[in-house]
Amino acid sequence: MSSKYLETKQKMNDGRLYKDMLDELVEERNKAKVLQFKYNQTSPIDQEQKNALIQEMFAEITEPFWIEAPVRFSYGKHIHIGKNFYANFNFIIVDDAEVSIGDNVLVGPNVTLTTAGHPENRVDRIAGYQYSLPISIGNNTWIGSNVVVNPGVRIGENVIIGSGSIVTKDIPDNVVAFGVPCKVIRNIDEKR
């Protein structure tokens, strides 16, 4: 690993501006693309092969889990997922920073988690700079279909994110939240 690679990785982890076209980073993303291509082309009934590929793709995932194809991600090695995880079709994770997903999490179709963003300053943006901020999703959370979670967001435990939401800010524990931008609508009453 080159010193430039290590410096860039540190910037990625610290939320500072960096350029992601370094040869080592491109190589890591290409390796991830090959693995996700294999996963997405695996027979839907060959769960053993699919599980083996997922274990190879992600930094950490605890069985049991079920992820419907197709799935897309940047690196895979920044993704940590707890047990009893389910993701429906077209799950996209831009994991330039760490993505931590707790136990018993359900993800609807067409959900995007993106840790990468681009600077407001057009000169930096045009020059190819970006930043990355981690995303975390707590235990027992359900994310509805067509949700986008932006860089740096923390979604608490026992949360429901309504379909079509764009989550730009942290969401506390034990709430139902939805909208554009996503806002807390009410507390979850376990008695219902």
N, C-alpha and C. Protein backbone atom coordinates (compact mmCIF):
# COMPACT_ATOMS: atom_id res chain seq x y z
N MET A 1 0.83 -1.18 0.00
CA MET A 1 0.00 0.00 0.00
C MET A 1 0.88 1.25 0.00
N SER A 2 0.54 2.14 -0.87
CA SER A 2 1.33 3.37 -0.98
C SER A 2 0.97 4.34 0.15
N SER A 3 1.85 5.27 0.42
CA SER A 3 1.57 6.28 1.44
C SER A 3 0.39 7.17 1.00
N LYS A 4 0.26 7.40 -0.30
CA LYS A 4 -0.86 8.19 -0.82
C LYS A 4 -2.19 7.46 -0.54
N TYR A 5 -2.19 6.13 -0.70
CA TYR A 5 -3.37 5.33 -0.41
C TYR A 5 -3.74 5.46 1.06
N LEU A 6 -2.76 5.28 1.94
CA LEU A 6 -3.02 5.36 3.38
C LEU A 6 -3.52 6.74 3.78
N GLU A 7 -2.95 7.77 3.18
CA GLU A 7 -3.37 9.15 3.45
C GLU A 7 -4.82 9.37 2.98
N THR A 8 -5.13 8.86 1.80
CA THR A 8 -6.49 9.01 1.26
C THR A 8 -7.49 8.24 2.11
N LYS A 9 -7.15 7.03 2.53
CA LYS A 9 -8.05 6.24 3.38
C LYS A 9 -8.32 6.98 4.69
N GLN A 10 -7.30 7.62 5.24
CA GLN A 10 -7.48 8.38 6.47
C GLN A 10 -8.45 9.54 6.24
N LYS A 11 -8.31 10.21 5.12
CA LYS A 11 -9.24 11.30 4.79
C LYS A 11 -10.67 10.76 4.63
N MET A 12 -10.81 9.61 3.99
CA MET A 12 -12.12 8.99 3.83
C MET A 12 -12.76 8.72 5.19
N ASN A 13 -11.96 8.21 6.12
CA ASN A 13 -12.47 7.87 7.45
C ASN A 13 -12.74 9.09 8.32
N ASP A 14 -12.08 10.20 8.02
CA ASP A 14 -12.20 11.41 8.83
C ASP A 14 -13.23 12.41 8.30
N GLY A 15 -13.86 12.12 7.17
CA GLY A 15 -14.83 13.04 6.60
C GLY A 15 -14.22 14.23 5.89
N ARG A 16 -12.92 14.15 5.57
CA ARG A 16 -12.24 15.24 4.86
C ARG A 16 -12.36 15.03 3.35
N LEU A 17 -12.11 16.09 2.59
CA LEU A 17 -12.15 15.99 1.14
C LEU A 17 -11.01 15.12 0.62
N TYR A 18 -11.33 14.31 -0.38
CA TYR A 18 -10.34 13.45 -1.02
C TYR A 18 -10.80 13.17 -2.45
N LYS A 19 -9.89 12.63 -3.25
CA LYS A 19 -10.22 12.16 -4.59
C LYS A 19 -10.17 10.64 -4.57
N ASP A 20 -11.19 10.02 -5.18
CA ASP A 20 -11.30 8.57 -5.09
C ASP A 20 -10.77 7.82 -6.31
N MET A 21 -10.02 8.47 -7.16
CA MET A 21 -9.53 7.81 -8.38
C MET A 21 -8.10 7.26 -8.24
N LEU A 22 -7.61 7.16 -7.02
CA LEU A 22 -6.32 6.54 -6.76
C LEU A 22 -6.35 5.09 -7.23
N ASP A 23 -5.28 4.62 -7.87
CA ASP A 23 -5.26 3.28 -8.46
C ASP A 23 -5.70 2.19 -7.48
N GLU A 24 -5.22 2.24 -6.23
CA GLU A 24 -5.59 1.20 -5.26
C GLU A 24 -7.08 1.22 -4.94
N LEU A 25 -7.67 2.41 -4.88
CA LEU A 25 -9.10 2.50 -4.61
C LEU A 25 -9.92 1.99 -5.79
N VAL A 26 -9.49 2.32 -6.99
CA VAL A 26 -10.17 1.82 -8.20
C VAL A 26 -10.10 0.30 -8.23
N GLU A 27 -8.94 -0.25 -7.88
CA GLU A 27 -8.77 -1.71 -7.85
C GLU A 27 -9.71 -2.35 -6.81
N GLU A 28 -9.83 -1.74 -5.64
CA GLU A 28 -10.74 -2.27 -4.62
C GLU A 28 -12.19 -2.23 -5.10
N ARG A 29 -12.58 -1.15 -5.74
CA ARG A 29 -13.95 -1.05 -6.25
C ARG A 29 -14.20 -2.05 -7.37
N ASN A 30 -13.20 -2.26 -8.23
CA ASN A 30 -13.35 -3.25 -9.30
C ASN A 30 -13.51 -4.65 -8.75
N LYS A 31 -12.76 -4.98 -7.71
CA LYS A 31 -12.91 -6.29 -7.06
C LYS A 31 -14.33 -6.44 -6.52
N ALA A 32 -14.84 -5.38 -5.91
CA ALA A 32 -16.20 -5.40 -5.38
C ALA A 32 -17.22 -5.58 -6.51
N LYS A 33 -17.00 -4.93 -7.64
CA LYS A 33 -17.92 -5.05 -8.78
C LYS A 33 -17.97 -6.48 -9.30
N VAL A 34 -16.82 -7.15 -9.33
CA VAL A 34 -16.78 -8.54 -9.80
C VAL A 34 -17.59 -9.43 -8.86
N LEU A 35 -17.41 -9.25 -7.55
CA LEU A 35 -18.14 -10.06 -6.58
C LEU A 35 -19.64 -9.80 -6.65
N GLN A 36 -20.04 -8.53 -6.77
CA GLN A 36 -21.47 -8.26 -6.84
C GLN A 36 -22.07 -8.75 -8.15
N PHE A 37 -21.28 -8.72 -9.23
CA PHE A 37 -21.76 -9.27 -10.50
C PHE A 37 -22.04 -10.77 -10.33
N LYS A 38 -21.10 -11.49 -9.70
CA LYS A 38 -21.30 -12.92 -9.46
C LYS A 38 -22.56 -13.15 -8.62
N TYR A 39 -22.70 -12.36 -7.57
CA TYR A 39 -23.86 -12.50 -6.69
C TYR A 39 -25.16 -12.26 -7.46
N ASN A 40 -25.19 -11.20 -8.22
CA ASN A 40 -26.40 -10.84 -8.95
C ASN A 40 -26.73 -11.81 -10.07
N GLN A 41 -25.73 -12.59 -10.53
CA GLN A 41 -25.95 -13.58 -11.58
C GLN A 41 -26.19 -14.99 -11.03
N THR A 42 -26.04 -15.17 -9.73
CA THR A 42 -26.24 -16.48 -9.11
C THR A 42 -27.73 -16.82 -9.11
N SER A 43 -28.03 -18.09 -9.35
CA SER A 43 -29.42 -18.54 -9.35
C SER A 43 -30.11 -18.14 -8.05
N PRO A 44 -31.34 -17.65 -8.15
CA PRO A 44 -32.04 -17.23 -6.94
C PRO A 44 -32.30 -18.38 -5.96
N ILE A 45 -32.21 -19.61 -6.42
CA ILE A 45 -32.43 -20.74 -5.51
C ILE A 45 -31.13 -21.32 -4.96
N ASP A 46 -29.99 -20.80 -5.39
CA ASP A 46 -28.69 -21.27 -4.89
C ASP A 46 -28.27 -20.41 -3.69
N GLN A 47 -29.01 -20.55 -2.60
CA GLN A 47 -28.78 -19.70 -1.44
C GLN A 47 -27.41 -19.95 -0.81
N GLU A 48 -26.92 -21.17 -0.87
CA GLU A 48 -25.60 -21.46 -0.30
C GLU A 48 -24.51 -20.64 -0.99
N GLN A 49 -24.54 -20.60 -2.32
CA GLN A 49 -23.55 -19.81 -3.07
C GLN A 49 -23.72 -18.32 -2.81
N LYS A 50 -24.97 -17.86 -2.77
CA LYS A 50 -25.23 -16.45 -2.51
C LYS A 50 -24.71 -16.04 -1.12
N ASN A 51 -24.96 -16.88 -0.12
CA ASN A 51 -24.48 -16.57 1.24
C ASN A 51 -22.97 -16.53 1.29
N ALA A 52 -22.31 -17.46 0.60
CA ALA A 52 -20.84 -17.47 0.57
C ALA A 52 -20.30 -16.20 -0.06
N LEU A 53 -20.92 -15.75 -1.14
CA LEU A 53 -20.48 -14.51 -1.79
C LEU A 53 -20.69 -13.30 -0.89
N ILE A 54 -21.83 -13.24 -0.22
CA ILE A 54 -22.09 -12.12 0.70
C ILE A 54 -21.04 -12.09 1.80
N GLN A 55 -20.71 -13.26 2.35
CA GLN A 55 -19.69 -13.32 3.41
C GLN A 55 -18.35 -12.79 2.89
N GLU A 56 -18.05 -13.06 1.63
CA GLU A 56 -16.81 -12.57 1.03
C GLU A 56 -16.87 -11.07 0.72
N MET A 57 -18.04 -10.58 0.37
CA MET A 57 -18.18 -9.19 -0.06
C MET A 57 -18.14 -8.20 1.09
N PHE A 58 -18.80 -8.52 2.19
CA PHE A 58 -18.97 -7.55 3.27
C PHE A 58 -17.94 -7.77 4.37
N ALA A 59 -17.65 -6.70 5.12
CA ALA A 59 -16.71 -6.80 6.24
C ALA A 59 -17.26 -7.75 7.30
N GLU A 60 -18.57 -7.66 7.53
CA GLU A 60 -19.19 -8.47 8.57
C GLU A 60 -20.68 -8.60 8.28
N ILE A 61 -21.18 -9.83 8.36
CA ILE A 61 -22.62 -10.07 8.30
C ILE A 61 -22.89 -11.35 9.08
N THR A 62 -23.91 -11.32 9.92
CA THR A 62 -24.21 -12.43 10.81
C THR A 62 -25.43 -13.17 10.31
N GLU A 63 -25.32 -14.48 10.22
CA GLU A 63 -26.46 -15.28 9.78
C GLU A 63 -27.50 -15.32 10.90
N PRO A 64 -28.77 -15.49 10.56
CA PRO A 64 -29.29 -15.59 9.20
C PRO A 64 -29.48 -14.21 8.56
N PHE A 65 -29.42 -14.19 7.24
CA PHE A 65 -29.67 -12.98 6.47
C PHE A 65 -30.22 -13.39 5.11
N TRP A 66 -30.86 -12.44 4.45
CA TRP A 66 -31.39 -12.67 3.11
C TRP A 66 -31.32 -11.35 2.36
N ILE A 67 -30.60 -11.35 1.25
CA ILE A 67 -30.47 -10.14 0.43
C ILE A 67 -30.87 -10.49 -0.99
N GLU A 68 -31.95 -9.89 -1.45
CA GLU A 68 -32.43 -10.13 -2.81
C GLU A 68 -31.51 -9.46 -3.82
N ALA A 69 -31.28 -10.13 -4.93
CA ALA A 69 -30.52 -9.52 -6.03
C ALA A 69 -31.46 -8.62 -6.83
N PRO A 70 -30.94 -7.57 -7.45
CA PRO A 70 -29.55 -7.17 -7.45
C PRO A 70 -29.20 -6.29 -6.25
N VAL A 71 -27.93 -6.33 -5.90
CA VAL A 71 -27.37 -5.48 -4.86
C VAL A 71 -26.18 -4.75 -5.47
N ARG A 72 -25.95 -3.52 -5.03
CA ARG A 72 -24.81 -2.73 -5.51
C ARG A 72 -24.13 -2.08 -4.31
N PHE A 73 -22.83 -2.00 -4.36
CA PHE A 73 -22.07 -1.32 -3.32
C PHE A 73 -20.74 -0.87 -3.90
N SER A 74 -20.05 0.01 -3.19
CA SER A 74 -18.78 0.55 -3.68
C SER A 74 -17.60 -0.36 -3.36
N TYR A 75 -17.46 -0.72 -2.10
CA TYR A 75 -16.32 -1.51 -1.64
C TYR A 75 -16.75 -2.81 -0.97
N GLY A 76 -17.80 -2.78 -0.22
CA GLY A 76 -18.24 -3.95 0.54
C GLY A 76 -17.53 -4.09 1.86
N LYS A 77 -16.25 -3.82 1.88
CA LYS A 77 -15.45 -4.06 3.09
C LYS A 77 -15.71 -3.04 4.19
N HIS A 78 -16.55 -2.06 3.94
CA HIS A 78 -16.92 -1.08 4.96
C HIS A 78 -18.33 -1.34 5.51
N ILE A 79 -18.92 -2.48 5.14
CA ILE A 79 -20.31 -2.79 5.50
C ILE A 79 -20.34 -3.83 6.62
N HIS A 80 -21.03 -3.49 7.72
CA HIS A 80 -21.18 -4.38 8.88
C HIS A 80 -22.67 -4.55 9.14
N ILE A 81 -23.15 -5.81 9.11
CA ILE A 81 -24.58 -6.07 9.23
C ILE A 81 -24.82 -7.13 10.30
N GLY A 82 -25.79 -6.89 11.17
CA GLY A 82 -26.14 -7.82 12.23
C GLY A 82 -27.01 -8.96 11.74
N LYS A 83 -27.49 -9.76 12.69
CA LYS A 83 -28.27 -10.96 12.36
C LYS A 83 -29.71 -10.60 11.99
N ASN A 84 -30.36 -11.56 11.33
CA ASN A 84 -31.76 -11.44 10.91
C ASN A 84 -31.99 -10.23 10.02
N PHE A 85 -31.10 -10.04 9.07
CA PHE A 85 -31.19 -8.91 8.15
C PHE A 85 -31.90 -9.35 6.88
N TYR A 86 -32.77 -8.48 6.37
CA TYR A 86 -33.42 -8.73 5.09
C TYR A 86 -33.38 -7.45 4.26
N ALA A 87 -32.94 -7.58 3.01
CA ALA A 87 -32.99 -6.46 2.06
C ALA A 87 -33.69 -6.92 0.79
N ASN A 88 -34.65 -6.15 0.34
CA ASN A 88 -35.37 -6.45 -0.88
C ASN A 88 -34.55 -6.00 -2.10
N PHE A 89 -35.13 -6.09 -3.28
CA PHE A 89 -34.45 -5.83 -4.54
C PHE A 89 -33.82 -4.43 -4.61
N ASN A 90 -32.72 -4.34 -5.35
CA ASN A 90 -32.07 -3.06 -5.67
C ASN A 90 -31.57 -2.30 -4.44
N PHE A 91 -30.91 -3.02 -3.55
CA PHE A 91 -30.30 -2.41 -2.37
C PHE A 91 -28.95 -1.83 -2.80
N ILE A 92 -28.77 -0.52 -2.61
CA ILE A 92 -27.54 0.17 -3.03
C ILE A 92 -26.86 0.75 -1.79
N ILE A 93 -25.57 0.44 -1.63
CA ILE A 93 -24.79 0.97 -0.52
C ILE A 93 -23.53 1.60 -1.08
N VAL A 94 -23.45 2.92 -0.99
CA VAL A 94 -22.22 3.63 -1.37
C VAL A 94 -21.39 3.70 -0.10
N ASP A 95 -20.55 2.68 0.09
CA ASP A 95 -19.84 2.50 1.36
C ASP A 95 -18.40 3.01 1.30
N ASP A 96 -18.24 4.27 0.96
CA ASP A 96 -16.91 4.87 1.00
C ASP A 96 -16.47 5.10 2.45
N ALA A 97 -17.42 5.16 3.38
CA ALA A 97 -17.17 5.17 4.82
C ALA A 97 -17.91 3.98 5.41
N GLU A 98 -17.78 3.79 6.72
CA GLU A 98 -18.40 2.64 7.38
C GLU A 98 -19.92 2.74 7.36
N VAL A 99 -20.55 1.59 7.12
CA VAL A 99 -22.00 1.44 7.22
C VAL A 99 -22.25 0.34 8.24
N SER A 100 -22.94 0.68 9.32
CA SER A 100 -23.24 -0.29 10.38
C SER A 100 -24.75 -0.45 10.47
N ILE A 101 -25.20 -1.69 10.33
CA ILE A 101 -26.62 -2.01 10.37
C ILE A 101 -26.82 -3.04 11.47
N GLY A 102 -27.75 -2.77 12.38
CA GLY A 102 -27.97 -3.63 13.54
C GLY A 102 -28.70 -4.92 13.23
N ASP A 103 -29.16 -5.58 14.28
CA ASP A 103 -29.90 -6.83 14.18
C ASP A 103 -31.36 -6.55 13.84
N ASN A 104 -31.99 -7.52 13.19
CA ASN A 104 -33.43 -7.50 12.91
C ASN A 104 -33.85 -6.27 12.10
N VAL A 105 -33.07 -5.95 11.09
CA VAL A 105 -33.36 -4.80 10.24
C VAL A 105 -33.97 -5.28 8.93
N LEU A 106 -35.03 -4.61 8.51
CA LEU A 106 -35.70 -4.88 7.23
C LEU A 106 -35.50 -3.68 6.32
N VAL A 107 -35.16 -3.94 5.06
CA VAL A 107 -34.94 -2.88 4.08
C VAL A 107 -35.81 -3.17 2.86
N GLY A 108 -36.66 -2.23 2.49
CA GLY A 108 -37.54 -2.39 1.35
C GLY A 108 -36.81 -2.27 0.03
N PRO A 109 -37.53 -2.45 -1.09
CA PRO A 109 -36.90 -2.36 -2.40
C PRO A 109 -36.44 -0.93 -2.72
N ASN A 110 -35.38 -0.85 -3.52
CA ASN A 110 -34.87 0.42 -4.05
C ASN A 110 -34.39 1.39 -2.97
N VAL A 111 -33.75 0.86 -1.94
CA VAL A 111 -33.20 1.70 -0.87
C VAL A 111 -31.74 2.00 -1.18
N THR A 112 -31.33 3.25 -0.94
CA THR A 112 -29.95 3.68 -1.14
C THR A 112 -29.39 4.25 0.16
N LEU A 113 -28.25 3.72 0.58
CA LEU A 113 -27.48 4.27 1.69
C LEU A 113 -26.21 4.83 1.08
N THR A 114 -26.00 6.13 1.18
CA THR A 114 -24.82 6.72 0.56
C THR A 114 -23.98 7.48 1.57
N THR A 115 -22.77 7.00 1.81
CA THR A 115 -21.86 7.67 2.73
C THR A 115 -21.08 8.77 2.04
N ALA A 116 -21.10 8.81 0.72
CA ALA A 116 -20.30 9.78 -0.04
C ALA A 116 -21.13 10.99 -0.43
N GLY A 117 -20.49 12.15 -0.34
CA GLY A 117 -21.11 13.39 -0.77
C GLY A 117 -20.09 14.24 -1.49
N HIS A 118 -20.54 15.33 -2.04
CA HIS A 118 -19.66 16.22 -2.79
C HIS A 118 -19.74 17.62 -2.19
N PRO A 119 -18.64 18.36 -2.23
CA PRO A 119 -18.61 19.68 -1.61
C PRO A 119 -19.53 20.68 -2.31
N GLU A 120 -20.02 21.64 -1.55
CA GLU A 120 -20.83 22.71 -2.14
C GLU A 120 -19.99 23.60 -3.04
N ASN A 121 -18.74 23.78 -2.68
CA ASN A 121 -17.83 24.62 -3.45
C ASN A 121 -17.63 24.02 -4.83
N ARG A 122 -18.05 24.73 -5.87
CA ARG A 122 -18.02 24.16 -7.23
C ARG A 122 -16.60 23.88 -7.70
N VAL A 123 -15.62 24.67 -7.28
CA VAL A 123 -14.23 24.44 -7.72
C VAL A 123 -13.76 23.07 -7.22
N ASP A 124 -14.01 22.78 -5.94
CA ASP A 124 -13.63 21.47 -5.39
C ASP A 124 -14.43 20.35 -6.04
N ARG A 125 -15.72 20.59 -6.24
CA ARG A 125 -16.58 19.57 -6.85
C ARG A 125 -16.13 19.26 -8.27
N ILE A 126 -15.86 20.28 -9.06
CA ILE A 126 -15.41 20.09 -10.45
C ILE A 126 -14.05 19.41 -10.49
N ALA A 127 -13.21 19.70 -9.49
CA ALA A 127 -11.88 19.09 -9.42
C ALA A 127 -11.94 17.61 -9.01
N GLY A 128 -13.13 17.11 -8.64
CA GLY A 128 -13.28 15.69 -8.35
C GLY A 128 -13.18 15.32 -6.89
N TYR A 129 -13.27 16.30 -6.00
CA TYR A 129 -13.22 15.99 -4.58
C TYR A 129 -14.58 15.49 -4.08
N GLN A 130 -14.52 14.68 -3.05
CA GLN A 130 -15.71 14.23 -2.36
C GLN A 130 -15.36 14.04 -0.90
N TYR A 131 -16.38 13.74 -0.09
CA TYR A 131 -16.16 13.42 1.32
C TYR A 131 -17.02 12.21 1.66
N SER A 132 -16.71 11.57 2.77
CA SER A 132 -17.48 10.41 3.21
C SER A 132 -17.75 10.52 4.70
N LEU A 133 -18.97 10.19 5.09
CA LEU A 133 -19.37 10.17 6.49
C LEU A 133 -20.12 8.87 6.77
N PRO A 134 -19.89 8.24 7.91
CA PRO A 134 -20.50 6.94 8.19
C PRO A 134 -22.01 7.02 8.38
N ILE A 135 -22.66 5.88 8.16
CA ILE A 135 -24.09 5.72 8.38
C ILE A 135 -24.27 4.59 9.38
N SER A 136 -25.19 4.76 10.34
CA SER A 136 -25.53 3.65 11.23
C SER A 136 -27.04 3.53 11.34
N ILE A 137 -27.48 2.29 11.40
CA ILE A 137 -28.90 1.97 11.52
C ILE A 137 -29.04 1.01 12.70
N GLY A 138 -29.87 1.37 13.67
CA GLY A 138 -30.00 0.59 14.89
C GLY A 138 -30.81 -0.68 14.72
N ASN A 139 -30.81 -1.48 15.77
CA ASN A 139 -31.54 -2.75 15.81
C ASN A 139 -33.04 -2.52 15.62
N ASN A 140 -33.71 -3.54 15.08
CA ASN A 140 -35.17 -3.59 15.00
C ASN A 140 -35.77 -2.44 14.20
N THR A 141 -35.09 -2.07 13.14
CA THR A 141 -35.52 -0.94 12.32
C THR A 141 -36.04 -1.45 10.98
N TRP A 142 -37.05 -0.77 10.47
CA TRP A 142 -37.63 -1.09 9.16
C TRP A 142 -37.51 0.16 8.31
N ILE A 143 -36.88 0.00 7.15
CA ILE A 143 -36.73 1.09 6.19
C ILE A 143 -37.58 0.76 4.98
N GLY A 144 -38.58 1.58 4.71
CA GLY A 144 -39.51 1.33 3.62
C GLY A 144 -38.88 1.49 2.25
N SER A 145 -39.64 1.17 1.23
CA SER A 145 -39.13 1.20 -0.14
C SER A 145 -38.79 2.62 -0.59
N ASN A 146 -37.83 2.70 -1.51
CA ASN A 146 -37.43 3.96 -2.16
C ASN A 146 -36.94 5.03 -1.18
N VAL A 147 -36.28 4.61 -0.13
CA VAL A 147 -35.70 5.53 0.85
C VAL A 147 -34.25 5.81 0.48
N VAL A 148 -33.82 7.05 0.68
CA VAL A 148 -32.42 7.44 0.52
C VAL A 148 -31.92 7.93 1.87
N VAL A 149 -30.79 7.37 2.32
CA VAL A 149 -30.15 7.80 3.57
C VAL A 149 -28.85 8.49 3.19
N ASN A 150 -28.70 9.75 3.59
CA ASN A 150 -27.55 10.58 3.21
C ASN A 150 -26.35 10.37 4.14
N PRO A 151 -25.18 10.89 3.73
CA PRO A 151 -23.96 10.72 4.51
C PRO A 151 -24.08 11.24 5.94
N GLY A 152 -23.51 10.48 6.87
CA GLY A 152 -23.42 10.91 8.25
C GLY A 152 -24.66 10.70 9.10
N VAL A 153 -25.69 10.06 8.56
CA VAL A 153 -26.95 9.89 9.28
C VAL A 153 -26.88 8.70 10.23
N ARG A 154 -27.44 8.89 11.42
CA ARG A 154 -27.63 7.81 12.38
C ARG A 154 -29.13 7.62 12.57
N ILE A 155 -29.59 6.41 12.27
CA ILE A 155 -30.99 6.04 12.50
C ILE A 155 -31.00 5.17 13.75
N GLY A 156 -31.81 5.53 14.73
CA GLY A 156 -31.81 4.84 16.01
C GLY A 156 -32.41 3.44 15.95
N GLU A 157 -32.65 2.89 17.14
CA GLU A 157 -33.23 1.56 17.27
C GLU A 157 -34.74 1.63 17.26
N ASN A 158 -35.36 0.56 16.76
CA ASN A 158 -36.81 0.43 16.74
C ASN A 158 -37.45 1.62 16.03
N VAL A 159 -36.99 1.85 14.81
CA VAL A 159 -37.46 2.98 14.00
C VAL A 159 -38.13 2.46 12.74
N ILE A 160 -39.15 3.15 12.29
CA ILE A 160 -39.76 2.89 10.99
C ILE A 160 -39.56 4.14 10.14
N ILE A 161 -38.91 3.96 8.99
CA ILE A 161 -38.72 5.04 8.02
C ILE A 161 -39.70 4.78 6.88
N GLY A 162 -40.63 5.69 6.66
CA GLY A 162 -41.66 5.51 5.65
C GLY A 162 -41.13 5.57 4.23
N SER A 163 -41.81 4.89 3.35
CA SER A 163 -41.43 4.80 1.94
C SER A 163 -41.25 6.17 1.32
N GLY A 164 -40.26 6.28 0.44
CA GLY A 164 -40.02 7.50 -0.30
C GLY A 164 -39.30 8.60 0.46
N SER A 165 -38.90 8.33 1.68
CA SER A 165 -38.24 9.35 2.50
C SER A 165 -36.81 9.61 2.06
N ILE A 166 -36.37 10.84 2.29
CA ILE A 166 -34.96 11.20 2.13
C ILE A 166 -34.47 11.61 3.51
N VAL A 167 -33.59 10.78 4.07
CA VAL A 167 -33.14 10.97 5.45
C VAL A 167 -31.85 11.78 5.43
N THR A 168 -31.94 13.02 5.87
CA THR A 168 -30.80 13.94 5.84
C THR A 168 -30.25 14.24 7.23
N LYS A 169 -31.00 13.90 8.26
CA LYS A 169 -30.61 14.17 9.66
C LYS A 169 -30.82 12.90 10.49
N ASP A 170 -30.17 12.86 11.66
CA ASP A 170 -30.32 11.72 12.56
C ASP A 170 -31.78 11.54 12.97
N ILE A 171 -32.15 10.28 13.18
CA ILE A 171 -33.49 9.92 13.64
C ILE A 171 -33.34 9.21 14.98
N PRO A 172 -34.05 9.65 16.03
CA PRO A 172 -33.89 9.04 17.35
C PRO A 172 -34.55 7.66 17.43
N ASP A 173 -34.34 6.98 18.55
CA ASP A 173 -34.93 5.67 18.80
C ASP A 173 -36.46 5.76 18.90
N ASN A 174 -37.12 4.64 18.58
CA ASN A 174 -38.53 4.41 18.88
C ASN A 174 -39.49 5.42 18.25
N VAL A 175 -39.28 5.70 16.96
CA VAL A 175 -40.17 6.64 16.27
C VAL A 175 -40.53 6.14 14.88
N VAL A 176 -41.63 6.69 14.38
CA VAL A 176 -41.99 6.58 12.97
C VAL A 176 -41.61 7.91 12.34
N ALA A 177 -40.88 7.84 11.22
CA ALA A 177 -40.43 9.06 10.54
C ALA A 177 -40.60 8.88 9.05
N PHE A 178 -41.01 9.95 8.38
CA PHE A 178 -41.08 9.89 6.92
C PHE A 178 -41.14 11.29 6.35
N GLY A 179 -40.96 11.38 5.03
CA GLY A 179 -41.08 12.65 4.34
C GLY A 179 -39.81 13.05 3.62
N VAL A 180 -39.94 14.17 2.91
CA VAL A 180 -38.81 14.75 2.16
C VAL A 180 -38.70 16.20 2.60
N PRO A 181 -37.77 16.53 3.49
CA PRO A 181 -36.86 15.61 4.16
C PRO A 181 -37.58 14.81 5.25
N CYS A 182 -36.99 13.69 5.64
CA CYS A 182 -37.57 12.80 6.64
C CYS A 182 -37.64 13.50 7.99
N LYS A 183 -38.82 13.41 8.63
CA LYS A 183 -39.03 14.02 9.95
C LYS A 183 -39.77 13.03 10.84
N VAL A 184 -39.54 13.14 12.13
CA VAL A 184 -40.25 12.31 13.10
C VAL A 184 -41.72 12.70 13.08
N ILE A 185 -42.58 11.69 12.93
CA ILE A 185 -44.03 11.92 12.90
C ILE A 185 -44.65 11.60 14.26
N ARG A 186 -44.20 10.49 14.85
CA ARG A 186 -44.73 10.12 16.16
C ARG A 186 -43.83 9.08 16.81
N ASN A 187 -44.02 8.89 18.11
CA ASN A 187 -43.34 7.82 18.82
C ASN A 187 -44.01 6.50 18.50
N ILE A 188 -43.26 5.43 18.62
CA ILE A 188 -43.84 4.10 18.42
C ILE A 188 -44.43 3.65 19.74
N ASP A 189 -45.70 3.29 19.70
CA ASP A 189 -46.40 2.76 20.86
C ASP A 189 -46.42 1.25 20.72
N GLU A 190 -45.66 0.57 21.55
CA GLU A 190 -45.56 -0.89 21.45
C GLU A 190 -46.88 -1.60 21.72
N LYS A 191 -47.87 -0.90 22.28
CA LYS A 191 -49.14 -1.53 22.62
C LYS A 191 -50.06 -1.67 21.42
N ARG A 192 -49.76 -0.98 20.33
CA ARG A 192 -50.64 -1.02 19.16
C ARG A 192 -50.63 -2.37 18.52
